[in-house]
Amino acid sequence: MNIGVVSLRVRLFGVRSLKEKRGILKRLMNDLRKKYNISVSEVGAHDSKNFFEIGIAMVNTDKAFIERVFDAIIDYLELYPGMEVEETEREVW
């Protein structure tokens, strides 16, 4: 069994309030859960309307599969309108 964890710091553009940010983030996290079958949660930058930090976890028997899923998630976020991935940290055990 292998466990993968990735932390992402993402910049948001054009967001005017925390309420708007939370709506975007909630929709994004639900999309990620459905599309990639992962666990995801906001882990930082709770009071910033311009940034969010999420943590993603996944368990699988194949390390390479976890890495491919994490790559796909990062690519998906980079194409999502109004945001830019600034930092990523990942570990797979």
PDB file of N, CA and C in Angstrom:
ATOM      1  N   MET A   1       0.849  -1.178   0.000  1.00  0.00           N
ATOM      2  CA  MET A   1       0.000   0.000   0.000  1.00  0.00           C
ATOM      3  C   MET A   1       0.892   1.237   0.000  1.00  0.00           C
ATOM      4  N   ASN A   2       0.550   2.197  -0.850  1.00  0.00           N
ATOM      5  CA  ASN A   2       1.278   3.460  -0.945  1.00  0.00           C
ATOM      6  C   ASN A   2       0.331   4.609  -0.637  1.00  0.00           C
ATOM      7  N   ILE A   3       0.891   5.619   0.022  1.00  0.00           N
ATOM      8  CA  ILE A   3       0.118   6.806   0.381  1.00  0.00           C
ATOM      9  C   ILE A   3       0.794   8.008  -0.256  1.00  0.00           C
ATOM     10  N   GLY A   4       0.001   8.831  -0.914  1.00  0.00           N
ATOM     11  CA  GLY A   4       0.518  10.051  -1.518  1.00  0.00           C
ATOM     12  C   GLY A   4      -0.172  11.263  -0.930  1.00  0.00           C
ATOM     13  N   VAL A   5       0.628  12.308  -0.706  1.00  0.00           N
ATOM     14  CA  VAL A   5       0.107  13.563  -0.165  1.00  0.00           C
ATOM     15  C   VAL A   5       0.699  14.704  -0.979  1.00  0.00           C
ATOM     16  N   VAL A   6      -0.138  15.647  -1.362  1.00  0.00           N
ATOM     17  CA  VAL A   6       0.345  16.841  -2.055  1.00  0.00           C
ATOM     18  C   VAL A   6      -0.309  18.065  -1.422  1.00  0.00           C
ATOM     19  N   SER A   7       0.496  19.105  -1.220  1.00  0.00           N
ATOM     20  CA  SER A   7       0.003  20.392  -0.727  1.00  0.00           C
ATOM     21  C   SER A   7       0.183  21.412  -1.838  1.00  0.00           C
ATOM     22  N   LEU A   8      -0.842  22.216  -2.057  1.00  0.00           N
ATOM     23  CA  LEU A   8      -0.814  23.202  -3.133  1.00  0.00           C
ATOM     24  C   LEU A   8      -1.176  24.576  -2.594  1.00  0.00           C
ATOM     25  N   ARG A   9      -0.426  25.573  -3.012  1.00  0.00           N
ATOM     26  CA  ARG A   9      -0.766  26.974  -2.720  1.00  0.00           C
ATOM     27  C   ARG A   9      -1.140  27.607  -4.056  1.00  0.00           C
ATOM     28  N   VAL A  10      -2.344  28.157  -4.108  1.00  0.00           N
ATOM     29  CA  VAL A  10      -2.892  28.650  -5.369  1.00  0.00           C
ATOM     30  C   VAL A  10      -3.328  30.105  -5.208  1.00  0.00           C
ATOM     31  N   ARG A  11      -2.961  30.920  -6.198  1.00  0.00           N
ATOM     32  CA  ARG A  11      -3.374  32.328  -6.221  1.00  0.00           C
ATOM     33  C   ARG A  11      -4.671  32.455  -7.015  1.00  0.00           C
ATOM     34  N   LEU A  12      -5.597  33.233  -6.471  1.00  0.00           N
ATOM     35  CA  LEU A  12      -6.870  33.516  -7.144  1.00  0.00           C
ATOM     36  C   LEU A  12      -6.851  34.937  -7.699  1.00  0.00           C
ATOM     37  N   PHE A  13      -7.420  35.111  -8.868  1.00  0.00           N
ATOM     38  CA  PHE A  13      -7.496  36.428  -9.496  1.00  0.00           C
ATOM     39  C   PHE A  13      -8.955  36.872  -9.601  1.00  0.00           C
ATOM     40  N   GLY A  14      -9.204  38.144  -9.305  1.00  0.00           N
ATOM     41  CA  GLY A  14     -10.533  38.714  -9.477  1.00  0.00           C
ATOM     42  C   GLY A  14     -11.538  38.374  -8.400  1.00  0.00           C
ATOM     43  N   VAL A  15     -11.078  37.843  -7.277  1.00  0.00           N
ATOM     44  CA  VAL A  15     -11.991  37.500  -6.179  1.00  0.00           C
ATOM     45  C   VAL A  15     -12.120  38.715  -5.261  1.00  0.00           C
ATOM     46  N   ARG A  16     -13.366  39.094  -4.952  1.00  0.00           N
ATOM     47  CA  ARG A  16     -13.609  40.308  -4.176  1.00  0.00           C
ATOM     48  C   ARG A  16     -13.923  40.057  -2.707  1.00  0.00           C
ATOM     49  N   SER A  17     -14.248  38.821  -2.332  1.00  0.00           N
ATOM     50  CA  SER A  17     -14.614  38.577  -0.930  1.00  0.00           C
ATOM     51  C   SER A  17     -14.264  37.142  -0.538  1.00  0.00           C
ATOM     52  N   LEU A  18     -14.204  36.916   0.769  1.00  0.00           N
ATOM     53  CA  LEU A  18     -13.965  35.560   1.273  1.00  0.00           C
ATOM     54  C   LEU A  18     -15.117  34.635   0.911  1.00  0.00           C
ATOM     55  N   LYS A  19     -16.329  35.171   0.893  1.00  0.00           N
ATOM     56  CA  LYS A  19     -17.495  34.365   0.534  1.00  0.00           C
ATOM     57  C   LYS A  19     -17.368  33.860  -0.907  1.00  0.00           C
ATOM     58  N   GLU A  20     -16.931  34.718  -1.800  1.00  0.00           N
ATOM     59  CA  GLU A  20     -16.731  34.317  -3.197  1.00  0.00           C
ATOM     60  C   GLU A  20     -15.622  33.268  -3.304  1.00  0.00           C
ATOM     61  N   LYS A  21     -14.528  33.480  -2.555  1.00  0.00           N
ATOM     62  CA  LYS A  21     -13.424  32.513  -2.555  1.00  0.00           C
ATOM     63  C   LYS A  21     -13.907  31.152  -2.071  1.00  0.00           C
ATOM     64  N   ARG A  22     -14.662  31.135  -0.998  1.00  0.00           N
ATOM     65  CA  ARG A  22     -15.129  29.860  -0.439  1.00  0.00           C
ATOM     66  C   ARG A  22     -16.060  29.134  -1.400  1.00  0.00           C
ATOM     67  N   GLY A  23     -16.867  29.886  -2.141  1.00  0.00           N
ATOM     68  CA  GLY A  23     -17.730  29.268  -3.147  1.00  0.00           C
ATOM     69  C   GLY A  23     -16.924  28.625  -4.268  1.00  0.00           C
ATOM     70  N   ILE A  24     -15.906  29.330  -4.739  1.00  0.00           N
ATOM     71  CA  ILE A  24     -15.023  28.797  -5.784  1.00  0.00           C
ATOM     72  C   ILE A  24     -14.306  27.559  -5.267  1.00  0.00           C
ATOM     73  N   LEU A  25     -13.766  27.650  -4.053  1.00  0.00           N
ATOM     74  CA  LEU A  25     -13.001  26.548  -3.478  1.00  0.00           C
ATOM     75  C   LEU A  25     -13.875  25.322  -3.231  1.00  0.00           C
ATOM     76  N   LYS A  26     -15.083  25.530  -2.740  1.00  0.00           N
ATOM     77  CA  LYS A  26     -15.990  24.404  -2.493  1.00  0.00           C
ATOM     78  C   LYS A  26     -16.315  23.679  -3.798  1.00  0.00           C
ATOM     79  N   ARG A  27     -16.615  24.433  -4.847  1.00  0.00           N
ATOM     80  CA  ARG A  27     -16.914  23.853  -6.155  1.00  0.00           C
ATOM     81  C   ARG A  27     -15.696  23.099  -6.704  1.00  0.00           C
ATOM     82  N   LEU A  28     -14.517  23.708  -6.576  1.00  0.00           N
ATOM     83  CA  LEU A  28     -13.289  23.080  -7.060  1.00  0.00           C
ATOM     84  C   LEU A  28     -13.003  21.774  -6.319  1.00  0.00           C
ATOM     85  N   MET A  29     -13.109  21.788  -4.992  1.00  0.00           N
ATOM     86  CA  MET A  29     -12.825  20.578  -4.220  1.00  0.00           C
ATOM     87  C   MET A  29     -13.812  19.466  -4.552  1.00  0.00           C
ATOM     88  N   ASN A  30     -15.080  19.796  -4.752  1.00  0.00           N
ATOM     89  CA  ASN A  30     -16.061  18.782  -5.156  1.00  0.00           C
ATOM     90  C   ASN A  30     -15.732  18.210  -6.529  1.00  0.00           C
ATOM     91  N   ASP A  31     -15.322  19.078  -7.465  1.00  0.00           N
ATOM     92  CA  ASP A  31     -14.916  18.608  -8.796  1.00  0.00           C
ATOM     93  C   ASP A  31     -13.733  17.646  -8.698  1.00  0.00           C
ATOM     94  N   LEU A  32     -12.733  18.003  -7.876  1.00  0.00           N
ATOM     95  CA  LEU A  32     -11.549  17.150  -7.724  1.00  0.00           C
ATOM     96  C   LEU A  32     -11.913  15.805  -7.104  1.00  0.00           C
ATOM     97  N   ARG A  33     -12.769  15.814  -6.087  1.00  0.00           N
ATOM     98  CA  ARG A  33     -13.189  14.555  -5.449  1.00  0.00           C
ATOM     99  C   ARG A  33     -13.866  13.631  -6.454  1.00  0.00           C
ATOM    100  N   LYS A  34     -14.771  14.182  -7.245  1.00  0.00           N
ATOM    101  CA  LYS A  34     -15.512  13.372  -8.214  1.00  0.00           C
ATOM    102  C   LYS A  34     -14.617  12.866  -9.343  1.00  0.00           C
ATOM    103  N   LYS A  35     -13.755  13.729  -9.843  1.00  0.00           N
ATOM    104  CA  LYS A  35     -12.950  13.390 -11.018  1.00  0.00           C
ATOM    105  C   LYS A  35     -11.806  12.436 -10.692  1.00  0.00           C
ATOM    106  N   TYR A  36     -11.168  12.597  -9.514  1.00  0.00           N
ATOM    107  CA  TYR A  36      -9.951  11.847  -9.208  1.00  0.00           C
ATOM    108  C   TYR A  36     -10.070  10.886  -8.027  1.00  0.00           C
ATOM    109  N   ASN A  37     -11.199  10.825  -7.352  1.00  0.00           N
ATOM    110  CA  ASN A  37     -11.396   9.926  -6.212  1.00  0.00           C
ATOM    111  C   ASN A  37     -10.300  10.106  -5.154  1.00  0.00           C
ATOM    112  N   ILE A  38     -10.176  11.327  -4.668  1.00  0.00           N
ATOM    113  CA  ILE A  38      -9.150  11.694  -3.697  1.00  0.00           C
ATOM    114  C   ILE A  38      -9.816  12.297  -2.461  1.00  0.00           C
ATOM    115  N   SER A  39      -9.017  12.468  -1.415  1.00  0.00           N
ATOM    116  CA  SER A  39      -9.438  13.249  -0.252  1.00  0.00           C
ATOM    117  C   SER A  39      -8.793  14.618  -0.380  1.00  0.00           C
ATOM    118  N   VAL A  40      -9.570  15.673  -0.170  1.00  0.00           N
ATOM    119  CA  VAL A  40      -9.046  17.032  -0.324  1.00  0.00           C
ATOM    120  C   VAL A  40      -9.668  17.937   0.730  1.00  0.00           C
ATOM    121  N   SER A  41      -8.850  18.871   1.247  1.00  0.00           N
ATOM    122  CA  SER A  41      -9.328  19.802   2.264  1.00  0.00           C
ATOM    123  C   SER A  41      -8.524  21.094   2.189  1.00  0.00           C
ATOM    124  N   GLU A  42      -9.145  22.197   2.596  1.00  0.00           N
ATOM    125  CA  GLU A  42      -8.419  23.455   2.717  1.00  0.00           C
ATOM    126  C   GLU A  42      -7.564  23.369   3.979  1.00  0.00           C
ATOM    127  N   VAL A  43      -6.264  23.629   3.850  1.00  0.00           N
ATOM    128  CA  VAL A  43      -5.352  23.455   4.982  1.00  0.00           C
ATOM    129  C   VAL A  43      -4.641  24.739   5.398  1.00  0.00           C
ATOM    130  N   GLY A  44      -4.858  25.830   4.681  1.00  0.00           N
ATOM    131  CA  GLY A  44      -4.189  27.074   5.041  1.00  0.00           C
ATOM    132  C   GLY A  44      -4.764  28.251   4.280  1.00  0.00           C
ATOM    133  N   ALA A  45      -4.283  29.447   4.624  1.00  0.00           N
ATOM    134  CA  ALA A  45      -4.708  30.707   3.996  1.00  0.00           C
ATOM    135  C   ALA A  45      -6.224  30.886   4.086  1.00  0.00           C
ATOM    136  N   HIS A  46      -6.791  30.516   5.228  1.00  0.00           N
ATOM    137  CA  HIS A  46      -8.246  30.585   5.403  1.00  0.00           C
ATOM    138  C   HIS A  46      -8.785  32.011   5.327  1.00  0.00           C
ATOM    139  N   ASP A  47      -8.006  32.981   5.777  1.00  0.00           N
ATOM    140  CA  ASP A  47      -8.495  34.359   5.838  1.00  0.00           C
ATOM    141  C   ASP A  47      -8.033  35.219   4.674  1.00  0.00           C
ATOM    142  N   SER A  48      -7.419  34.630   3.673  1.00  0.00           N
ATOM    143  CA  SER A  48      -6.965  35.372   2.500  1.00  0.00           C
ATOM    144  C   SER A  48      -7.944  35.171   1.356  1.00  0.00           C
ATOM    145  N   LYS A  49      -8.339  36.257   0.706  1.00  0.00           N
ATOM    146  CA  LYS A  49      -9.226  36.110  -0.447  1.00  0.00           C
ATOM    147  C   LYS A  49      -8.443  35.896  -1.738  1.00  0.00           C
ATOM    148  N   ASN A  50      -7.125  36.111  -1.699  1.00  0.00           N
ATOM    149  CA  ASN A  50      -6.303  35.994  -2.903  1.00  0.00           C
ATOM    150  C   ASN A  50      -5.575  34.660  -3.034  1.00  0.00           C
ATOM    151  N   PHE A  51      -5.538  33.872  -1.973  1.00  0.00           N
ATOM    152  CA  PHE A  51      -4.833  32.592  -1.984  1.00  0.00           C
ATOM    153  C   PHE A  51      -5.683  31.532  -1.308  1.00  0.00           C
ATOM    154  N   PHE A  52      -5.416  30.274  -1.669  1.00  0.00           N
ATOM    155  CA  PHE A  52      -5.900  29.167  -0.861  1.00  0.00           C
ATOM    156  C   PHE A  52      -4.843  28.081  -0.867  1.00  0.00           C
ATOM    157  N   GLU A  53      -4.841  27.287   0.190  1.00  0.00           N
ATOM    158  CA  GLU A  53      -3.939  26.147   0.306  1.00  0.00           C
ATOM    159  C   GLU A  53      -4.795  24.915   0.539  1.00  0.00           C
ATOM    160  N   ILE A  54      -4.568  23.895  -0.291  1.00  0.00           N
ATOM    161  CA  ILE A  54      -5.308  22.648  -0.127  1.00  0.00           C
ATOM    162  C   ILE A  54      -4.328  21.497   0.044  1.00  0.00           C
ATOM    163  N   GLY A  55      -4.779  20.494   0.767  1.00  0.00           N
ATOM    164  CA  GLY A  55      -4.042  19.251   0.925  1.00  0.00           C
ATOM    165  C   GLY A  55      -4.831  18.135   0.275  1.00  0.00           C
ATOM    166  N   ILE A  56      -4.129  17.288  -0.447  1.00  0.00           N
ATOM    167  CA  ILE A  56      -4.761  16.178  -1.161  1.00  0.00           C
ATOM    168  C   ILE A  56      -4.066  14.896  -0.743  1.00  0.00           C
ATOM    169  N   ALA A  57      -4.848  13.851  -0.490  1.00  0.00           N
ATOM    170  CA  ALA A  57      -4.290  12.548  -0.114  1.00  0.00           C
ATOM    171  C   ALA A  57      -4.918  11.464  -0.971  1.00  0.00           C
ATOM    172  N   MET A  58      -4.107  10.426  -1.221  1.00  0.00           N
ATOM    173  CA  MET A  58      -4.574   9.305  -2.030  1.00  0.00           C
ATOM    174  C   MET A  58      -3.850   8.044  -1.593  1.00  0.00           C
ATOM    175  N   VAL A  59      -4.558   6.925  -1.611  1.00  0.00           N
ATOM    176  CA  VAL A  59      -3.983   5.619  -1.287  1.00  0.00           C
ATOM    177  C   VAL A  59      -4.172   4.713  -2.495  1.00  0.00           C
ATOM    178  N   ASN A  60      -3.097   3.986  -2.864  1.00  0.00           N
ATOM    179  CA  ASN A  60      -3.163   3.064  -3.994  1.00  0.00           C
ATOM    180  C   ASN A  60      -2.002   2.088  -3.871  1.00  0.00           C
ATOM    181  N   THR A  61      -2.078   0.987  -4.581  1.00  0.00           N
ATOM    182  CA  THR A  61      -0.993   0.004  -4.543  1.00  0.00           C
ATOM    183  C   THR A  61       0.151   0.367  -5.484  1.00  0.00           C
ATOM    184  N   ASP A  62      -0.069   1.321  -6.378  1.00  0.00           N
ATOM    185  CA  ASP A  62       0.919   1.672  -7.400  1.00  0.00           C
ATOM    186  C   ASP A  62       1.393   3.115  -7.216  1.00  0.00           C
ATOM    187  N   LYS A  63       2.677   3.292  -6.853  1.00  0.00           N
ATOM    188  CA  LYS A  63       3.234   4.634  -6.661  1.00  0.00           C
ATOM    189  C   LYS A  63       3.156   5.473  -7.929  1.00  0.00           C
ATOM    190  N   ALA A  64       3.444   4.860  -9.056  1.00  0.00           N
ATOM    191  CA  ALA A  64       3.432   5.586 -10.326  1.00  0.00           C
ATOM    192  C   ALA A  64       2.035   6.123 -10.636  1.00  0.00           C
ATOM    193  N   PHE A  65       1.012   5.358 -10.291  1.00  0.00           N
ATOM    194  CA  PHE A  65      -0.361   5.813 -10.512  1.00  0.00           C
ATOM    195  C   PHE A  65      -0.658   7.051  -9.674  1.00  0.00           C
ATOM    196  N   ILE A  66      -0.231   7.044  -8.416  1.00  0.00           N
ATOM    197  CA  ILE A  66      -0.432   8.207  -7.545  1.00  0.00           C
ATOM    198  C   ILE A  66       0.255   9.428  -8.142  1.00  0.00           C
ATOM    199  N   GLU A  67       1.488   9.267  -8.601  1.00  0.00           N
ATOM    200  CA  GLU A  67       2.223  10.380  -9.217  1.00  0.00           C
ATOM    201  C   GLU A  67       1.487  10.906 -10.448  1.00  0.00           C
ATOM    202  N   ARG A  68       0.957  10.001 -11.285  1.00  0.00           N
ATOM    203  CA  ARG A  68       0.222  10.427 -12.489  1.00  0.00           C
ATOM    204  C   ARG A  68      -1.042  11.199 -12.118  1.00  0.00           C
ATOM    205  N   VAL A  69      -1.736  10.736 -11.096  1.00  0.00           N
ATOM    206  CA  VAL A  69      -2.946  11.445 -10.656  1.00  0.00           C
ATOM    207  C   VAL A  69      -2.581  12.831 -10.136  1.00  0.00           C
ATOM    208  N   PHE A  70      -1.531  12.939  -9.337  1.00  0.00           N
ATOM    209  CA  PHE A  70      -1.112  14.247  -8.829  1.00  0.00           C
ATOM    210  C   PHE A  70      -0.714  15.176  -9.973  1.00  0.00           C
ATOM    211  N   ASP A  71      -0.001  14.655 -10.973  1.00  0.00           N
ATOM    212  CA  ASP A  71       0.347  15.465 -12.148  1.00  0.00           C
ATOM    213  C   ASP A  71      -0.912  15.946 -12.862  1.00  0.00           C
ATOM    214  N   ALA A  72      -1.893  15.063 -13.007  1.00  0.00           N
ATOM    215  CA  ALA A  72      -3.149  15.423 -13.681  1.00  0.00           C
ATOM    216  C   ALA A  72      -3.906  16.492 -12.893  1.00  0.00           C
ATOM    217  N   ILE A  73      -3.888  16.395 -11.568  1.00  0.00           N
ATOM    218  CA  ILE A  73      -4.568  17.390 -10.732  1.00  0.00           C
ATOM    219  C   ILE A  73      -3.910  18.756 -10.890  1.00  0.00           C
ATOM    220  N   ILE A  74      -2.589  18.795 -10.866  1.00  0.00           N
ATOM    221  CA  ILE A  74      -1.874  20.064 -11.028  1.00  0.00           C
ATOM    222  C   ILE A  74      -2.153  20.654 -12.405  1.00  0.00           C
ATOM    223  N   ASP A  75      -2.134  19.825 -13.443  1.00  0.00           N
ATOM    224  CA  ASP A  75      -2.468  20.303 -14.793  1.00  0.00           C
ATOM    225  C   ASP A  75      -3.891  20.851 -14.837  1.00  0.00           C
ATOM    226  N   TYR A  76      -4.820  20.157 -14.198  1.00  0.00           N
ATOM    227  CA  TYR A  76      -6.220  20.582 -14.153  1.00  0.00           C
ATOM    228  C   TYR A  76      -6.340  21.953 -13.482  1.00  0.00           C
ATOM    229  N   LEU A  77      -5.642  22.138 -12.366  1.00  0.00           N
ATOM    230  CA  LEU A  77      -5.704  23.414 -11.653  1.00  0.00           C
ATOM    231  C   LEU A  77      -5.069  24.540 -12.455  1.00  0.00           C
ATOM    232  N   GLU A  78      -3.995  24.246 -13.180  1.00  0.00           N
ATOM    233  CA  GLU A  78      -3.343  25.285 -13.975  1.00  0.00           C
ATOM    234  C   GLU A  78      -4.227  25.755 -15.128  1.00  0.00           C
ATOM    235  N   LEU A  79      -5.139  24.907 -15.586  1.00  0.00           N
ATOM    236  CA  LEU A  79      -6.055  25.289 -16.661  1.00  0.00           C
ATOM    237  C   LEU A  79      -7.364  25.878 -16.143  1.00  0.00           C
ATOM    238  N   TYR A  80      -7.606  25.775 -14.837  1.00  0.00           N
ATOM    239  CA  TYR A  80      -8.836  26.296 -14.235  1.00  0.00           C
ATOM    240  C   TYR A  80      -8.817  27.822 -14.338  1.00  0.00           C
ATOM    241  N   PRO A  81      -9.885  28.447 -14.814  1.00  0.00           N
ATOM    242  CA  PRO A  81      -9.869  29.903 -15.007  1.00  0.00           C
ATOM    243  C   PRO A  81      -9.775  30.671 -13.689  1.00  0.00           C
ATOM    244  N   GLY A  82      -8.960  31.734 -13.694  1.00  0.00           N
ATOM    245  CA  GLY A  82      -8.875  32.629 -12.550  1.00  0.00           C
ATOM    246  C   GLY A  82      -7.952  32.194 -11.440  1.00  0.00           C
ATOM    247  N   MET A  83      -7.098  31.195 -11.698  1.00  0.00           N
ATOM    248  CA  MET A  83      -6.166  30.769 -10.652  1.00  0.00           C
ATOM    249  C   MET A  83      -4.834  30.331 -11.234  1.00  0.00           C
ATOM    250  N   GLU A  84      -3.809  30.370 -10.365  1.00  0.00           N
ATOM    251  CA  GLU A  84      -2.458  29.984 -10.749  1.00  0.00           C
ATOM    252  C   GLU A  84      -1.823  29.208  -9.596  1.00  0.00           C
ATOM    253  N   VAL A  85      -1.287  28.034  -9.880  1.00  0.00           N
ATOM    254  CA  VAL A  85      -0.607  27.231  -8.866  1.00  0.00           C
ATOM    255  C   VAL A  85       0.754  27.870  -8.600  1.00  0.00           C
ATOM    256  N   GLU A  86       1.009  28.252  -7.338  1.00  0.00           N
ATOM    257  CA  GLU A  86       2.266  28.911  -6.990  1.00  0.00           C
ATOM    258  C   GLU A  86       3.276  27.962  -6.360  1.00  0.00           C
ATOM    259  N   GLU A  87       2.817  27.075  -5.492  1.00  0.00           N
ATOM    260  CA  GLU A  87       3.731  26.155  -4.807  1.00  0.00           C
ATOM    261  C   GLU A  87       3.103  24.774  -4.737  1.00  0.00           C
ATOM    262  N   THR A  88       3.954  23.762  -4.856  1.00  0.00           N
ATOM    263  CA  THR A  88       3.498  22.386  -4.652  1.00  0.00           C
ATOM    264  C   THR A  88       4.537  21.645  -3.826  1.00  0.00           C
ATOM    265  N   GLU A  89       4.062  20.800  -2.952  1.00  0.00           N
ATOM    266  CA  GLU A  89       4.915  19.873  -2.195  1.00  0.00           C
ATOM    267  C   GLU A  89       4.234  18.525  -2.243  1.00  0.00           C
ATOM    268  N   ARG A  90       4.991  17.490  -2.604  1.00  0.00           N
ATOM    269  CA  ARG A  90       4.371  16.163  -2.655  1.00  0.00           C
ATOM    270  C   ARG A  90       5.303  15.116  -2.088  1.00  0.00           C
ATOM    271  N   GLU A  91       4.669  14.111  -1.513  1.00  0.00           N
ATOM    272  CA  GLU A  91       5.391  12.959  -0.981  1.00  0.00           C
ATOM    273  C   GLU A  91       4.573  11.716  -1.263  1.00  0.00           C
ATOM    274  N   VAL A  92       5.265  10.649  -1.609  1.00  0.00           N
ATOM    275  CA  VAL A  92       4.615   9.354  -1.794  1.00  0.00           C
ATOM    276  C   VAL A  92       5.446   8.340  -1.032  1.00  0.00           C
ATOM    277  N   TRP A  93       4.797   7.581  -0.154  1.00  0.00           N
ATOM    278  CA  TRP A  93       5.495   6.557   0.626  1.00  0.00           C
ATOM    279  C   TRP A  93       5.042   5.195   0.192  1.00  0.00           C
TER     280      TRP A  93
END
